[in-house]
Amino acid sequence: MSTATLAGPSTRSSSGSALARMAVVPPVFASGGVRDHVDATLAHAAREVCVSVASGRVNGRLARPRRVHLANLARGVRYRVLLPERTLASVEGRRLVEAWTCGGVELRAAPEVPLAALVIDGTAAVLPGAGGDVAGEAALFTLPSVVGAAVALFERVWESAAPPGGADAGADDLAPREREVLVLLASGRTDESVATMLGISVRTVRRLVAGLLERLGARSRFEAGAKAARRGWLGS
């Protein structure tokens, strides 16, 4: 099999453009031995598999859960799946979300997902071949510069993404107390201040805040407030 010479990105900010320039020459068909190699690598995942579904690639082979993924989940391997928001309005997109909603898979949606890929334990990346994922072509890379670029791009998009769902769906599911805490959280109040204003314990506030951060896929109170506002959870 011929190999392509691939140059890794020089900086984190260039990871997207570096990946966009990648090509497999010649394209490697994900069938026979190559497909078996990909599945064998997936089957030996020890910690985490990251699945990135690019816009227009909902029906691609890399996007769909398969037996090897279900077996990994049963073994306790962490799965994070990144989806483009625009696909969630389509029948195919909703089916894909339903298919991945199993075994503790973490799902997030972003306005744009620029790359279709599987990243395995941060040491291997499966990327579409020249004919595209839908055509069934893919290649497995272990070159650190290539894998590192895929990881950097995935993490950057993942950090700004949120669990899939419309703006109204999550808001309707909020309990009155959760909504009160969220509004105060977005206004910059401290846990102690929120507890005093609502007449509850600081421990209760922190428990509610932790649950809201998890639901919003946020790492900080500021990020949670921004995401809640964007999804319409704070009301008018």
C-alpha atoms as a PDB file:
ATOM      1  CA  MET A   1       0.000   0.000   0.000  1.00  0.00           C
ATOM      2  CA  SER A   2       1.391   3.399  -0.931  1.00  0.00           C
ATOM      3  CA  THR A   3       1.763   5.934   1.827  1.00  0.00           C
ATOM      4  CA  ALA A   4       1.316   9.676   1.762  1.00  0.00           C
ATOM      5  CA  THR A   5       3.774  12.086   3.315  1.00  0.00           C
ATOM      6  CA  LEU A   6       1.763  14.238   5.681  1.00  0.00           C
ATOM      7  CA  ALA A   7       3.086  17.296   7.466  1.00  0.00           C
ATOM      8  CA  GLY A   8       1.654  17.965  10.907  1.00  0.00           C
ATOM      9  CA  PRO A   9       0.414  21.399  11.992  1.00  0.00           C
ATOM     10  CA  SER A  10       2.981  23.777  13.436  1.00  0.00           C
ATOM     11  CA  THR A  11       0.518  25.303  15.925  1.00  0.00           C
ATOM     12  CA  ARG A  12      -2.822  24.476  17.521  1.00  0.00           C
ATOM     13  CA  SER A  13      -4.574  27.214  15.536  1.00  0.00           C
ATOM     14  CA  SER A  14      -3.470  25.670  12.258  1.00  0.00           C
ATOM     15  CA  SER A  15      -4.870  22.212  13.000  1.00  0.00           C
ATOM     16  CA  GLY A  16      -8.068  22.789  11.010  1.00  0.00           C
ATOM     17  CA  SER A  17      -6.280  23.938   7.869  1.00  0.00           C
ATOM     18  CA  ALA A  18      -3.707  21.172   8.186  1.00  0.00           C
ATOM     19  CA  LEU A  19      -6.418  18.532   8.317  1.00  0.00           C
ATOM     20  CA  ALA A  20      -8.263  20.143   5.428  1.00  0.00           C
ATOM     21  CA  ARG A  21      -5.165  19.703   3.270  1.00  0.00           C
ATOM     22  CA  MET A  22      -4.764  16.024   4.056  1.00  0.00           C
ATOM     23  CA  ALA A  23      -5.283  13.484   1.309  1.00  0.00           C
ATOM     24  CA  VAL A  24      -4.741   9.762   1.037  1.00  0.00           C
ATOM     25  CA  VAL A  25      -2.822   9.023  -2.145  1.00  0.00           C
ATOM     26  CA  PRO A  26      -3.954   6.664  -3.477  1.00  0.00           C
ATOM     27  CA  PRO A  27      -7.296   6.338  -1.591  1.00  0.00           C
ATOM     28  CA  VAL A  28      -7.449   3.376   0.767  1.00  0.00           C
ATOM     29  CA  PHE A  29     -10.694   1.425   0.529  1.00  0.00           C
ATOM     30  CA  ALA A  30     -12.173   0.501   3.900  1.00  0.00           C
ATOM     31  CA  SER A  31     -12.790  -3.094   2.946  1.00  0.00           C
ATOM     32  CA  GLY A  32     -11.078  -6.418   3.442  1.00  0.00           C
ATOM     33  CA  GLY A  33      -7.797  -6.162   5.309  1.00  0.00           C
ATOM     34  CA  VAL A  34      -7.965  -2.401   5.824  1.00  0.00           C
ATOM     35  CA  ARG A  35     -11.424  -2.583   7.367  1.00  0.00           C
ATOM     36  CA  ASP A  36     -10.299  -5.452   9.572  1.00  0.00           C
ATOM     37  CA  HIS A  37      -7.297  -3.381  10.691  1.00  0.00           C
ATOM     38  CA  VAL A  38      -9.532  -0.443  11.623  1.00  0.00           C
ATOM     39  CA  ASP A  39     -11.934  -2.685  13.528  1.00  0.00           C
ATOM     40  CA  ALA A  40      -9.046  -4.430  15.309  1.00  0.00           C
ATOM     41  CA  THR A  41      -7.664  -1.059  16.406  1.00  0.00           C
ATOM     42  CA  LEU A  42     -11.113  -0.007  17.645  1.00  0.00           C
ATOM     43  CA  ALA A  43     -11.529  -3.317  19.471  1.00  0.00           C
ATOM     44  CA  HIS A  44      -8.316  -2.630  21.408  1.00  0.00           C
ATOM     45  CA  ALA A  45      -9.387   0.850  22.533  1.00  0.00           C
ATOM     46  CA  ALA A  46      -8.487   1.200  26.193  1.00  0.00           C
ATOM     47  CA  ARG A  47      -9.722   4.637  27.253  1.00  0.00           C
ATOM     48  CA  GLU A  48     -11.724   6.692  24.759  1.00  0.00           C
ATOM     49  CA  VAL A  49     -13.057   6.882  21.215  1.00  0.00           C
ATOM     50  CA  CYS A  50     -13.990  10.279  19.783  1.00  0.00           C
ATOM     51  CA  VAL A  51     -16.399  10.298  16.837  1.00  0.00           C
ATOM     52  CA  SER A  52     -16.634  13.426  14.711  1.00  0.00           C
ATOM     53  CA  VAL A  53     -19.482  13.540  12.176  1.00  0.00           C
ATOM     54  CA  ALA A  54     -18.908  16.224   9.562  1.00  0.00           C
ATOM     55  CA  SER A  55     -21.693  18.171   7.896  1.00  0.00           C
ATOM     56  CA  GLY A  56     -23.070  16.149   4.998  1.00  0.00           C
ATOM     57  CA  ARG A  57     -21.576  12.914   6.337  1.00  0.00           C
ATOM     58  CA  VAL A  58     -24.484  11.674   8.469  1.00  0.00           C
ATOM     59  CA  ASN A  59     -24.795   8.567   6.314  1.00  0.00           C
ATOM     60  CA  GLY A  60     -21.063   7.904   6.267  1.00  0.00           C
ATOM     61  CA  ARG A  61     -19.635   4.704   7.692  1.00  0.00           C
ATOM     62  CA  LEU A  62     -17.574   6.570  10.280  1.00  0.00           C
ATOM     63  CA  ALA A  63     -20.728   8.216  11.641  1.00  0.00           C
ATOM     64  CA  ARG A  64     -22.682   5.060  12.433  1.00  0.00           C
ATOM     65  CA  PRO A  65     -22.409   2.962  15.598  1.00  0.00           C
ATOM     66  CA  ARG A  66     -21.393  -0.622  14.894  1.00  0.00           C
ATOM     67  CA  ARG A  67     -20.888  -3.803  16.875  1.00  0.00           C
ATOM     68  CA  VAL A  68     -17.311  -2.927  17.768  1.00  0.00           C
ATOM     69  CA  HIS A  69     -18.486   0.358  19.302  1.00  0.00           C
ATOM     70  CA  LEU A  70     -21.206  -1.354  21.329  1.00  0.00           C
ATOM     71  CA  ALA A  71     -18.654  -3.902  22.578  1.00  0.00           C
ATOM     72  CA  ASN A  72     -16.318  -1.087  23.614  1.00  0.00           C
ATOM     73  CA  LEU A  73     -19.105   0.658  25.508  1.00  0.00           C
ATOM     74  CA  ALA A  74     -19.883  -2.578  27.316  1.00  0.00           C
ATOM     75  CA  ARG A  75     -16.208  -2.728  28.363  1.00  0.00           C
ATOM     76  CA  GLY A  76     -16.376   0.774  29.782  1.00  0.00           C
ATOM     77  CA  VAL A  77     -14.592   2.676  27.003  1.00  0.00           C
ATOM     78  CA  ARG A  78     -15.641   6.334  26.991  1.00  0.00           C
ATOM     79  CA  TYR A  79     -17.328   7.576  23.800  1.00  0.00           C
ATOM     80  CA  ARG A  80     -17.758  11.201  22.760  1.00  0.00           C
ATOM     81  CA  VAL A  81     -19.746  11.904  19.592  1.00  0.00           C
ATOM     82  CA  LEU A  82     -19.752  15.306  17.922  1.00  0.00           C
ATOM     83  CA  LEU A  83     -22.581  16.154  15.494  1.00  0.00           C
ATOM     84  CA  PRO A  84     -23.357  19.196  13.304  1.00  0.00           C
ATOM     85  CA  GLU A  85     -26.462  21.050  14.501  1.00  0.00           C
ATOM     86  CA  ARG A  86     -27.986  21.399  11.045  1.00  0.00           C
ATOM     87  CA  THR A  87     -28.289  17.626  10.626  1.00  0.00           C
ATOM     88  CA  LEU A  88     -30.438  17.282  13.742  1.00  0.00           C
ATOM     89  CA  ALA A  89     -33.433  18.674  11.868  1.00  0.00           C
ATOM     90  CA  SER A  90     -33.272  15.856   9.302  1.00  0.00           C
ATOM     91  CA  VAL A  91     -34.729  12.371   9.648  1.00  0.00           C
ATOM     92  CA  GLU A  92     -31.268  10.868   9.123  1.00  0.00           C
ATOM     93  CA  GLY A  93     -29.787  13.101  11.801  1.00  0.00           C
ATOM     94  CA  ARG A  94     -32.440  12.211  14.373  1.00  0.00           C
ATOM     95  CA  ARG A  95     -31.961   8.528  13.625  1.00  0.00           C
ATOM     96  CA  LEU A  96     -28.233   8.918  14.127  1.00  0.00           C
ATOM     97  CA  VAL A  97     -28.771  10.588  17.510  1.00  0.00           C
ATOM     98  CA  GLU A  98     -31.115   7.773  18.541  1.00  0.00           C
ATOM     99  CA  ALA A  99     -28.588   5.168  17.399  1.00  0.00           C
ATOM    100  CA  TRP A 100     -25.806   6.714  19.498  1.00  0.00           C
ATOM    101  CA  THR A 101     -27.998   7.294  22.564  1.00  0.00           C
ATOM    102  CA  CYS A 102     -26.925   4.169  24.385  1.00  0.00           C
ATOM    103  CA  GLY A 103     -24.455   2.938  26.952  1.00  0.00           C
ATOM    104  CA  GLY A 104     -23.409   6.309  28.294  1.00  0.00           C
ATOM    105  CA  VAL A 105     -22.318   7.889  25.009  1.00  0.00           C
ATOM    106  CA  GLU A 106     -21.677  11.637  25.409  1.00  0.00           C
ATOM    107  CA  LEU A 107     -23.314  13.555  22.554  1.00  0.00           C
ATOM    108  CA  ARG A 108     -22.765  17.196  21.632  1.00  0.00           C
ATOM    109  CA  ALA A 109     -23.798  19.299  18.651  1.00  0.00           C
ATOM    110  CA  ALA A 110     -21.924  22.252  17.156  1.00  0.00           C
ATOM    111  CA  PRO A 111     -22.860  24.773  14.438  1.00  0.00           C
ATOM    112  CA  GLU A 112     -20.094  23.385  12.225  1.00  0.00           C
ATOM    113  CA  VAL A 113     -18.125  20.146  12.421  1.00  0.00           C
ATOM    114  CA  PRO A 114     -15.327  20.420   9.838  1.00  0.00           C
ATOM    115  CA  LEU A 115     -13.973  16.875   9.955  1.00  0.00           C
ATOM    116  CA  ALA A 116     -15.302  13.312   9.795  1.00  0.00           C
ATOM    117  CA  ALA A 117     -13.056  11.146  11.937  1.00  0.00           C
ATOM    118  CA  LEU A 118     -12.630   8.504  14.608  1.00  0.00           C
ATOM    119  CA  VAL A 119      -9.871   9.121  17.146  1.00  0.00           C
ATOM    120  CA  ILE A 120      -8.868   6.107  19.220  1.00  0.00           C
ATOM    121  CA  ASP A 121      -7.111   6.655  22.557  1.00  0.00           C
ATOM    122  CA  GLY A 122      -5.443   9.752  21.132  1.00  0.00           C
ATOM    123  CA  THR A 123      -2.978   7.516  19.285  1.00  0.00           C
ATOM    124  CA  ALA A 124      -4.795   6.572  16.054  1.00  0.00           C
ATOM    125  CA  ALA A 125      -7.163   8.408  13.719  1.00  0.00           C
ATOM    126  CA  VAL A 126      -9.463   7.046  11.036  1.00  0.00           C
ATOM    127  CA  LEU A 127     -10.138   9.640   8.322  1.00  0.00           C
ATOM    128  CA  PRO A 128     -12.156   9.505   5.081  1.00  0.00           C
ATOM    129  CA  GLY A 129     -10.257   8.597   1.933  1.00  0.00           C
ATOM    130  CA  ALA A 130     -10.217  10.597  -1.284  1.00  0.00           C
ATOM    131  CA  GLY A 131     -13.600   9.172  -2.336  1.00  0.00           C
ATOM    132  CA  GLY A 132     -15.270  10.203   0.912  1.00  0.00           C
ATOM    133  CA  ASP A 133     -16.689   8.318   3.861  1.00  0.00           C
ATOM    134  CA  VAL A 134     -20.045   7.723   2.164  1.00  0.00           C
ATOM    135  CA  ALA A 135     -18.199   5.973  -0.668  1.00  0.00           C
ATOM    136  CA  GLY A 136     -16.716   3.598   1.884  1.00  0.00           C
ATOM    137  CA  GLU A 137     -13.128   4.797   1.703  1.00  0.00           C
ATOM    138  CA  ALA A 138     -11.117   5.432   4.844  1.00  0.00           C
ATOM    139  CA  ALA A 139      -7.580   5.206   6.137  1.00  0.00           C
ATOM    140  CA  LEU A 140      -6.010   4.592   9.521  1.00  0.00           C
ATOM    141  CA  PHE A 141      -3.254   6.972  10.638  1.00  0.00           C
ATOM    142  CA  THR A 142      -0.897   6.644  13.608  1.00  0.00           C
ATOM    143  CA  LEU A 143       1.514   9.437  12.640  1.00  0.00           C
ATOM    144  CA  PRO A 144       1.596  11.671  15.760  1.00  0.00           C
ATOM    145  CA  SER A 145       1.301  14.922  13.788  1.00  0.00           C
ATOM    146  CA  VAL A 146      -1.842  13.715  12.019  1.00  0.00           C
ATOM    147  CA  VAL A 147      -3.453  12.254  15.134  1.00  0.00           C
ATOM    148  CA  GLY A 148      -2.517  15.334  17.153  1.00  0.00           C
ATOM    149  CA  ALA A 149      -4.142  17.637  14.603  1.00  0.00           C
ATOM    150  CA  ALA A 150      -7.338  15.547  14.651  1.00  0.00           C
ATOM    151  CA  VAL A 151      -7.420  15.579  18.457  1.00  0.00           C
ATOM    152  CA  ALA A 152      -6.841  19.351  18.645  1.00  0.00           C
ATOM    153  CA  LEU A 153      -9.631  20.070  16.163  1.00  0.00           C
ATOM    154  CA  PHE A 154     -12.061  17.709  17.904  1.00  0.00           C
ATOM    155  CA  GLU A 155     -11.382  19.207  21.342  1.00  0.00           C
ATOM    156  CA  ARG A 156     -11.737  22.784  20.107  1.00  0.00           C
ATOM    157  CA  VAL A 157     -15.150  22.103  18.563  1.00  0.00           C
ATOM    158  CA  TRP A 158     -16.254  19.896  21.483  1.00  0.00           C
ATOM    159  CA  GLU A 159     -15.543  22.635  24.020  1.00  0.00           C
ATOM    160  CA  SER A 160     -17.980  25.040  22.355  1.00  0.00           C
ATOM    161  CA  ALA A 161     -20.642  22.413  21.540  1.00  0.00           C
ATOM    162  CA  ALA A 162     -23.728  21.541  23.614  1.00  0.00           C
ATOM    163  CA  PRO A 163     -25.886  18.436  24.100  1.00  0.00           C
ATOM    164  CA  PRO A 164     -28.264  18.097  21.132  1.00  0.00           C
ATOM    165  CA  GLY A 165     -31.790  19.429  21.500  1.00  0.00           C
ATOM    166  CA  GLY A 166     -33.819  22.453  20.587  1.00  0.00           C
ATOM    167  CA  ALA A 167     -33.841  25.637  22.627  1.00  0.00           C
ATOM    168  CA  ASP A 168     -37.292  24.948  24.063  1.00  0.00           C
ATOM    169  CA  ALA A 169     -36.864  21.260  24.880  1.00  0.00           C
ATOM    170  CA  GLY A 170     -34.253  21.682  27.619  1.00  0.00           C
ATOM    171  CA  ALA A 171     -35.962  24.766  29.071  1.00  0.00           C
ATOM    172  CA  ASP A 172     -39.270  22.926  29.460  1.00  0.00           C
ATOM    173  CA  ASP A 173     -37.509  20.191  31.418  1.00  0.00           C
ATOM    174  CA  LEU A 174     -36.036  22.618  33.977  1.00  0.00           C
ATOM    175  CA  ALA A 175     -37.489  22.533  37.458  1.00  0.00           C
ATOM    176  CA  PRO A 176     -38.485  25.960  38.855  1.00  0.00           C
ATOM    177  CA  ARG A 177     -35.587  25.857  41.332  1.00  0.00           C
ATOM    178  CA  GLU A 178     -33.126  24.968  38.569  1.00  0.00           C
ATOM    179  CA  ARG A 179     -34.342  27.898  36.498  1.00  0.00           C
ATOM    180  CA  GLU A 180     -33.922  30.263  39.444  1.00  0.00           C
ATOM    181  CA  VAL A 181     -30.383  29.046  40.062  1.00  0.00           C
ATOM    182  CA  LEU A 182     -29.551  29.301  36.364  1.00  0.00           C
ATOM    183  CA  VAL A 183     -30.759  32.901  36.108  1.00  0.00           C
ATOM    184  CA  LEU A 184     -28.750  33.900  39.178  1.00  0.00           C
ATOM    185  CA  LEU A 185     -25.765  31.941  37.900  1.00  0.00           C
ATOM    186  CA  ALA A 186     -25.889  33.839  34.604  1.00  0.00           C
ATOM    187  CA  SER A 187     -25.953  37.136  36.498  1.00  0.00           C
ATOM    188  CA  GLY A 188     -22.623  36.321  38.146  1.00  0.00           C
ATOM    189  CA  ARG A 189     -23.842  35.520  41.659  1.00  0.00           C
ATOM    190  CA  THR A 190     -21.691  33.385  43.956  1.00  0.00           C
ATOM    191  CA  ASP A 191     -22.927  30.093  45.412  1.00  0.00           C
ATOM    192  CA  GLU A 192     -23.279  31.748  48.826  1.00  0.00           C
ATOM    193  CA  SER A 193     -25.281  34.638  47.375  1.00  0.00           C
ATOM    194  CA  VAL A 194     -27.603  32.296  45.478  1.00  0.00           C
ATOM    195  CA  ALA A 195     -28.123  30.196  48.611  1.00  0.00           C
ATOM    196  CA  THR A 196     -29.043  33.269  50.658  1.00  0.00           C
ATOM    197  CA  MET A 197     -31.421  34.665  48.039  1.00  0.00           C
ATOM    198  CA  LEU A 198     -33.248  31.354  47.584  1.00  0.00           C
ATOM    199  CA  GLY A 199     -33.164  30.263  51.213  1.00  0.00           C
ATOM    200  CA  ILE A 200     -31.354  26.987  50.520  1.00  0.00           C
ATOM    201  CA  SER A 201     -27.980  25.564  51.540  1.00  0.00           C
ATOM    202  CA  VAL A 202     -24.749  26.205  49.669  1.00  0.00           C
ATOM    203  CA  ARG A 203     -24.406  22.443  49.213  1.00  0.00           C
ATOM    204  CA  THR A 204     -27.781  22.337  47.453  1.00  0.00           C
ATOM    205  CA  VAL A 205     -26.768  25.220  45.203  1.00  0.00           C
ATOM    206  CA  ARG A 206     -23.552  23.454  44.236  1.00  0.00           C
ATOM    207  CA  ARG A 207     -25.417  20.247  43.511  1.00  0.00           C
ATOM    208  CA  LEU A 208     -27.872  22.100  41.262  1.00  0.00           C
ATOM    209  CA  VAL A 209     -25.055  23.991  39.545  1.00  0.00           C
ATOM    210  CA  ALA A 210     -23.151  20.743  38.889  1.00  0.00           C
ATOM    211  CA  GLY A 211     -26.248  19.232  37.295  1.00  0.00           C
ATOM    212  CA  LEU A 212     -26.802  22.302  35.113  1.00  0.00           C
ATOM    213  CA  LEU A 213     -23.167  22.332  33.983  1.00  0.00           C
ATOM    214  CA  GLU A 214     -23.444  18.681  32.991  1.00  0.00           C
ATOM    215  CA  ARG A 215     -26.699  19.178  31.089  1.00  0.00           C
ATOM    216  CA  LEU A 216     -25.306  22.149  29.210  1.00  0.00           C
ATOM    217  CA  GLY A 217     -21.950  20.521  28.520  1.00  0.00           C
ATOM    218  CA  ALA A 218     -20.226  23.499  30.148  1.00  0.00           C
ATOM    219  CA  ARG A 219     -16.954  23.620  32.066  1.00  0.00           C
ATOM    220  CA  SER A 220     -17.550  26.884  33.908  1.00  0.00           C
ATOM    221  CA  ARG A 221     -20.400  28.986  35.255  1.00  0.00           C
ATOM    222  CA  PHE A 222     -19.747  31.668  32.653  1.00  0.00           C
ATOM    223  CA  GLU A 223     -19.890  29.118  29.830  1.00  0.00           C
ATOM    224  CA  ALA A 224     -23.081  27.630  31.282  1.00  0.00           C
ATOM    225  CA  GLY A 225     -24.736  31.041  31.349  1.00  0.00           C
ATOM    226  CA  ALA A 226     -23.733  31.748  27.750  1.00  0.00           C
ATOM    227  CA  LYS A 227     -24.970  28.386  26.517  1.00  0.00           C
ATOM    228  CA  ALA A 228     -28.230  28.679  28.458  1.00  0.00           C
ATOM    229  CA  ALA A 229     -28.877  32.098  26.931  1.00  0.00           C
ATOM    230  CA  ARG A 230     -28.115  30.803  23.440  1.00  0.00           C
ATOM    231  CA  ARG A 231     -30.548  27.915  23.897  1.00  0.00           C
ATOM    232  CA  GLY A 232     -33.300  30.113  25.307  1.00  0.00           C
ATOM    233  CA  TRP A 233     -33.195  28.658  28.837  1.00  0.00           C
ATOM    234  CA  LEU A 234     -33.103  32.054  30.555  1.00  0.00           C
ATOM    235  CA  GLY A 235     -36.381  33.296  29.121  1.00  0.00           C
ATOM    236  CA  SER A 236     -36.985  36.830  27.922  1.00  0.00           C
END
